[in-house]
Protein backbone atom coordinates (compact mmCIF):
# COMPACT_ATOMS: atom_id res chain seq x y z
CA MET A 1 -19.80 4.66 -20.52
CA SER A 2 -23.56 5.28 -19.55
CA ALA A 3 -25.14 4.30 -16.02
CA ALA A 4 -26.86 1.58 -17.61
CA GLY A 5 -24.01 0.15 -19.51
CA ALA A 6 -21.97 0.39 -16.42
CA ALA A 7 -24.71 -1.63 -14.25
CA GLY A 8 -24.63 -4.08 -17.15
CA ALA A 9 -20.93 -4.63 -17.05
CA LEU A 10 -21.34 -5.12 -13.19
CA LEU A 11 -24.07 -7.53 -13.39
CA ARG A 12 -22.21 -9.51 -15.83
CA ARG A 13 -19.34 -10.17 -13.53
CA ALA A 14 -21.42 -10.10 -10.20
CA VAL A 15 -24.06 -12.56 -11.28
CA PRO A 16 -21.66 -15.54 -12.03
CA ALA A 17 -19.64 -14.84 -8.96
CA PHE A 18 -23.08 -14.95 -6.60
CA ALA A 19 -24.08 -18.13 -8.73
CA ALA A 20 -20.45 -19.62 -7.81
CA GLY A 21 -20.88 -18.63 -3.96
CA LEU A 22 -24.46 -20.36 -3.91
CA PHE A 23 -23.20 -23.41 -5.53
CA MET A 24 -20.43 -23.73 -3.03
CA GLY A 25 -22.67 -22.88 -0.37
CA ALA A 26 -24.84 -26.04 -1.37
CA VAL A 27 -21.76 -28.15 -1.53
CA TYR A 28 -20.51 -27.23 1.91
CA TRP A 29 -24.54 -28.04 3.33
CA ALA A 30 -24.37 -31.28 1.46
CA LEU A 31 -21.26 -32.37 2.69
CA GLY A 32 -22.29 -31.33 6.32
CA ILE A 33 -19.17 -29.14 6.62
CA ALA A 34 -19.23 -25.46 8.08
CA SER A 35 -18.35 -22.30 5.97
CA PRO A 36 -14.17 -21.89 5.97
CA ALA A 37 -14.83 -18.61 7.59
CA PRO A 38 -17.70 -16.25 9.03
CA PRO A 39 -19.46 -14.10 6.55
CA LEU A 40 -18.11 -11.15 8.23
CA VAL A 41 -14.35 -12.34 8.39
CA GLY A 42 -14.66 -13.58 4.75
CA LEU A 43 -15.98 -10.26 3.31
CA THR A 44 -13.20 -8.30 5.36
CA GLY A 45 -10.57 -10.39 3.95
CA LEU A 46 -12.03 -10.08 0.26
CA ALA A 47 -12.08 -6.48 1.05
CA GLY A 48 -8.43 -6.43 1.75
CA ILE A 49 -7.59 -8.23 -1.37
CA VAL A 50 -9.52 -5.79 -3.50
CA LEU A 51 -7.69 -2.80 -1.87
CA GLY A 52 -4.35 -4.51 -1.70
CA GLU A 53 -4.61 -5.05 -5.64
CA ARG A 54 -5.49 -1.44 -6.25
CA ALA A 55 -2.75 -0.46 -3.87
CA ALA A 56 -0.28 -2.22 -5.79
CA THR A 57 -1.37 -1.17 -9.21
CA ALA A 58 -1.20 2.38 -8.11
CA VAL A 59 2.46 1.69 -6.90
CA ARG A 60 3.19 0.03 -10.08
CA ASP A 61 2.01 2.84 -12.14
CA ARG A 62 3.63 5.59 -10.23
CA LEU A 63 6.63 3.56 -10.78
CA ALA A 64 6.30 3.12 -14.43
CA ARG A 65 5.81 6.99 -15.01
CA ARG A 66 9.02 7.85 -13.08
CA SER A 67 10.91 5.65 -14.89
CA THR A 68 9.52 6.94 -18.23
CA PRO A 69 11.48 9.97 -19.69
CA ALA A 70 8.97 12.88 -20.25
CA ALA A 71 7.83 13.12 -23.59
CA SER A 72 9.47 16.04 -25.42
CA HIS A 73 7.29 18.47 -27.35
CA SER A 74 8.92 19.68 -30.47
CA SER A 75 7.20 21.57 -33.25
CA THR A 76 7.85 20.41 -36.58
CA THR A 77 7.45 22.69 -39.55
CA GLY A 78 6.26 21.32 -42.75
């Protein structure tokens, strides 16, 4: 994938997420309530979620590779 394609894919995911965050910020403001977490705490929690998801995926993939028998390489003559 080219750099422009990767940037476009990131924007297609990031723009709706950012818009949802803006919307929720406006809702909090309209209701006169404070954000549920200070920004730094919220971003730290989000980073933990992302890292935890990636770690769990890596462990799952490693366990799947260990439980799958190695593919045998046999040559066939025809």
